[in-house]
Amino acid sequence: MNMDMKVGTTLKIKGKIADCADGFVINLGQGTDKVNLHFNPRFDESTVVCNTWDGSSWGQEQRDSHMCFGPGSEVKLLITFENNEFKVKMPDGHQLTFPNRLGHNHLSYLSVQGGFSISSFKLD
């Protein structure tokens, strides 16, 4: 999806995780070849993995063992885009931070993969 997300903006995403899902992915960046934030809850590992794709290779994974997602659940996420980092507030209030490794100050690309269906999203 195309969007216009600038530094200081918060993306609010609501959706539902499929009953049979083993995880999902939300990517934010400037396209499929420049992903600033790869957010990937993995239910089978009880881990949320964040990473960056620079067009040729993945960065080092950042793993957070706080898992508040599960198959069949309704989800609301808040992703705040700050100059040096992303702050992701999960449904239970837990927050993780991930560095803005690519240094972009404008994001135009959002994609969702896996067992997650967006019901609404909004930029504030």
C-alpha atoms as a PDB file:
ATOM      1  CA  MET A   1       0.000   0.000   0.000  1.00  0.00           C
ATOM      2  CA  ASN A   2       1.139   3.509  -0.658  1.00  0.00           C
ATOM      3  CA  MET A   3       1.106   5.998   2.207  1.00  0.00           C
ATOM      4  CA  ASP A   4       2.775   9.197   3.364  1.00  0.00           C
ATOM      5  CA  MET A   5       4.381   8.705   6.782  1.00  0.00           C
ATOM      6  CA  LYS A   6       6.747  11.365   8.092  1.00  0.00           C
ATOM      7  CA  VAL A   7       8.907  11.550  11.221  1.00  0.00           C
ATOM      8  CA  GLY A   8       6.707  12.275  14.249  1.00  0.00           C
ATOM      9  CA  THR A   9       3.749  10.340  12.834  1.00  0.00           C
ATOM     10  CA  THR A  10       1.999   7.392  14.482  1.00  0.00           C
ATOM     11  CA  LEU A  11       0.453   4.628  12.411  1.00  0.00           C
ATOM     12  CA  LYS A  12      -2.569   3.012  14.056  1.00  0.00           C
ATOM     13  CA  ILE A  13      -3.355  -0.439  12.680  1.00  0.00           C
ATOM     14  CA  LYS A  14      -6.332  -2.584  13.637  1.00  0.00           C
ATOM     15  CA  GLY A  15      -6.905  -6.063  12.340  1.00  0.00           C
ATOM     16  CA  LYS A  16      -7.535  -9.721  12.976  1.00  0.00           C
ATOM     17  CA  ILE A  17      -5.093 -12.599  13.109  1.00  0.00           C
ATOM     18  CA  ALA A  18      -6.298 -15.692  11.253  1.00  0.00           C
ATOM     19  CA  ASP A  19      -7.249 -18.719  13.351  1.00  0.00           C
ATOM     20  CA  CYS A  20      -4.602 -20.882  11.661  1.00  0.00           C
ATOM     21  CA  ALA A  21      -1.786 -18.293  11.546  1.00  0.00           C
ATOM     22  CA  ASP A  22       1.676 -19.052  12.895  1.00  0.00           C
ATOM     23  CA  GLY A  23       2.684 -15.391  12.639  1.00  0.00           C
ATOM     24  CA  PHE A  24       2.454 -12.303  10.469  1.00  0.00           C
ATOM     25  CA  VAL A  25       4.591  -9.498   9.050  1.00  0.00           C
ATOM     26  CA  ILE A  26       4.168  -5.734   8.830  1.00  0.00           C
ATOM     27  CA  ASN A  27       6.731  -3.942   6.658  1.00  0.00           C
ATOM     28  CA  LEU A  28       7.261  -0.168   6.608  1.00  0.00           C
ATOM     29  CA  GLY A  29       9.697   1.550   4.292  1.00  0.00           C
ATOM     30  CA  GLN A  30      10.159   3.134   0.900  1.00  0.00           C
ATOM     31  CA  GLY A  31       9.373  -0.009  -1.101  1.00  0.00           C
ATOM     32  CA  THR A  32      10.056  -3.724  -1.232  1.00  0.00           C
ATOM     33  CA  ASP A  33      13.770  -2.979  -1.629  1.00  0.00           C
ATOM     34  CA  LYS A  34      14.016  -0.546   1.329  1.00  0.00           C
ATOM     35  CA  VAL A  35      12.249  -1.855   4.440  1.00  0.00           C
ATOM     36  CA  ASN A  36      13.012   0.292   7.481  1.00  0.00           C
ATOM     37  CA  LEU A  37      10.905  -1.814   9.857  1.00  0.00           C
ATOM     38  CA  HIS A  38      10.145  -5.499   9.369  1.00  0.00           C
ATOM     39  CA  PHE A  39       7.868  -6.405  12.310  1.00  0.00           C
ATOM     40  CA  ASN A  40       7.343 -10.176  12.558  1.00  0.00           C
ATOM     41  CA  PRO A  41       5.558 -11.856  15.493  1.00  0.00           C
ATOM     42  CA  ARG A  42       6.306 -15.596  15.308  1.00  0.00           C
ATOM     43  CA  PHE A  43       3.853 -17.616  17.373  1.00  0.00           C
ATOM     44  CA  ASP A  44       5.787 -20.890  17.081  1.00  0.00           C
ATOM     45  CA  GLU A  45       8.845 -19.207  18.629  1.00  0.00           C
ATOM     46  CA  SER A  46       6.910 -16.941  21.058  1.00  0.00           C
ATOM     47  CA  THR A  47       9.073 -14.099  19.731  1.00  0.00           C
ATOM     48  CA  VAL A  48       8.658 -10.804  17.914  1.00  0.00           C
ATOM     49  CA  VAL A  49      11.454 -10.313  15.372  1.00  0.00           C
ATOM     50  CA  CYS A  50      12.303  -6.866  13.979  1.00  0.00           C
ATOM     51  CA  ASN A  51      14.767  -6.233  11.200  1.00  0.00           C
ATOM     52  CA  THR A  52      15.756  -4.021   8.249  1.00  0.00           C
ATOM     53  CA  TRP A  53      16.111  -4.916   4.548  1.00  0.00           C
ATOM     54  CA  ASP A  54      18.399  -2.579   2.585  1.00  0.00           C
ATOM     55  CA  GLY A  55      17.731  -4.065  -0.843  1.00  0.00           C
ATOM     56  CA  SER A  56      20.483  -6.656  -0.756  1.00  0.00           C
ATOM     57  CA  SER A  57      20.663  -8.062   2.771  1.00  0.00           C
ATOM     58  CA  TRP A  58      18.927  -8.272   6.119  1.00  0.00           C
ATOM     59  CA  GLY A  59      20.368  -6.495   9.124  1.00  0.00           C
ATOM     60  CA  GLN A  60      20.871  -8.147  12.489  1.00  0.00           C
ATOM     61  CA  GLU A  61      17.604  -9.387  13.972  1.00  0.00           C
ATOM     62  CA  GLN A  62      16.296  -7.808  17.141  1.00  0.00           C
ATOM     63  CA  ARG A  63      14.226 -10.304  19.130  1.00  0.00           C
ATOM     64  CA  ASP A  64      11.717  -9.582  21.878  1.00  0.00           C
ATOM     65  CA  SER A  65      10.297 -12.517  23.822  1.00  0.00           C
ATOM     66  CA  HIS A  66       7.205 -10.583  24.886  1.00  0.00           C
ATOM     67  CA  MET A  67       4.373 -12.267  22.969  1.00  0.00           C
ATOM     68  CA  CYS A  68       0.865 -10.884  23.367  1.00  0.00           C
ATOM     69  CA  PHE A  69      -0.477 -12.053  19.995  1.00  0.00           C
ATOM     70  CA  GLY A  70      -2.220 -15.283  19.117  1.00  0.00           C
ATOM     71  CA  PRO A  71      -4.231 -16.919  16.373  1.00  0.00           C
ATOM     72  CA  GLY A  72      -7.811 -15.643  16.100  1.00  0.00           C
ATOM     73  CA  SER A  73      -7.237 -12.466  18.108  1.00  0.00           C
ATOM     74  CA  GLU A  74      -8.194  -8.887  17.306  1.00  0.00           C
ATOM     75  CA  VAL A  75      -5.163  -6.598  17.337  1.00  0.00           C
ATOM     76  CA  LYS A  76      -4.466  -2.883  17.648  1.00  0.00           C
ATOM     77  CA  LEU A  77      -0.888  -1.693  17.098  1.00  0.00           C
ATOM     78  CA  LEU A  78       0.592   1.789  17.313  1.00  0.00           C
ATOM     79  CA  ILE A  79       3.836   2.361  15.394  1.00  0.00           C
ATOM     80  CA  THR A  80       5.468   5.740  16.032  1.00  0.00           C
ATOM     81  CA  PHE A  81       8.084   6.855  13.519  1.00  0.00           C
ATOM     82  CA  GLU A  82      10.748   8.956  15.209  1.00  0.00           C
ATOM     83  CA  ASN A  83      13.918  10.297  13.659  1.00  0.00           C
ATOM     84  CA  ASN A  84      16.224   7.632  15.086  1.00  0.00           C
ATOM     85  CA  GLU A  85      13.816   4.824  15.942  1.00  0.00           C
ATOM     86  CA  PHE A  86      10.429   3.200  15.714  1.00  0.00           C
ATOM     87  CA  LYS A  87       8.309   2.640  18.810  1.00  0.00           C
ATOM     88  CA  VAL A  88       5.800  -0.186  18.558  1.00  0.00           C
ATOM     89  CA  LYS A  89       3.084  -0.295  21.201  1.00  0.00           C
ATOM     90  CA  MET A  90       1.506  -3.729  21.356  1.00  0.00           C
ATOM     91  CA  PRO A  91      -2.108  -4.550  22.288  1.00  0.00           C
ATOM     92  CA  ASP A  92      -1.291  -5.134  25.964  1.00  0.00           C
ATOM     93  CA  GLY A  93       0.670  -1.866  26.276  1.00  0.00           C
ATOM     94  CA  HIS A  94       4.153  -3.399  26.012  1.00  0.00           C
ATOM     95  CA  GLN A  95       6.408  -1.218  23.885  1.00  0.00           C
ATOM     96  CA  LEU A  96       9.462  -2.160  21.884  1.00  0.00           C
ATOM     97  CA  THR A  97      11.855   0.151  20.085  1.00  0.00           C
ATOM     98  CA  PHE A  98      13.785  -0.529  16.896  1.00  0.00           C
ATOM     99  CA  PRO A  99      16.419   1.754  15.342  1.00  0.00           C
ATOM    100  CA  ASN A 100      15.787   3.584  12.063  1.00  0.00           C
ATOM    101  CA  ARG A 101      18.882   1.979  10.525  1.00  0.00           C
ATOM    102  CA  LEU A 102      18.282   3.285   6.998  1.00  0.00           C
ATOM    103  CA  GLY A 103      17.873   6.841   8.273  1.00  0.00           C
ATOM    104  CA  HIS A 104      14.900   7.738   6.087  1.00  0.00           C
ATOM    105  CA  ASN A 105      12.661  10.595   7.257  1.00  0.00           C
ATOM    106  CA  HIS A 106       9.734   9.671   5.004  1.00  0.00           C
ATOM    107  CA  LEU A 107       8.072   6.287   4.474  1.00  0.00           C
ATOM    108  CA  SER A 108       5.749   5.551   1.590  1.00  0.00           C
ATOM    109  CA  TYR A 109       5.302   1.770   1.729  1.00  0.00           C
ATOM    110  CA  LEU A 110       3.215  -0.492   3.976  1.00  0.00           C
ATOM    111  CA  SER A 111       2.731  -4.202   3.436  1.00  0.00           C
ATOM    112  CA  VAL A 112       1.146  -6.931   5.513  1.00  0.00           C
ATOM    113  CA  GLN A 113       1.884 -10.614   5.008  1.00  0.00           C
ATOM    114  CA  GLY A 114       0.917 -13.847   6.675  1.00  0.00           C
ATOM    115  CA  GLY A 115      -2.227 -14.403   8.667  1.00  0.00           C
ATOM    116  CA  PHE A 116      -3.170 -10.809   9.426  1.00  0.00           C
ATOM    117  CA  SER A 117      -6.057  -8.862   7.874  1.00  0.00           C
ATOM    118  CA  ILE A 118      -6.189  -5.084   8.336  1.00  0.00           C
ATOM    119  CA  SER A 119      -9.617  -3.721   9.242  1.00  0.00           C
ATOM    120  CA  SER A 120      -8.398  -0.108   9.491  1.00  0.00           C
ATOM    121  CA  PHE A 121      -5.276   2.013   9.545  1.00  0.00           C
ATOM    122  CA  LYS A 122      -4.739   5.692  10.203  1.00  0.00           C
ATOM    123  CA  LEU A 123      -1.822   8.098  10.352  1.00  0.00           C
ATOM    124  CA  ASP A 124      -1.804  10.638  13.213  1.00  0.00           C
END
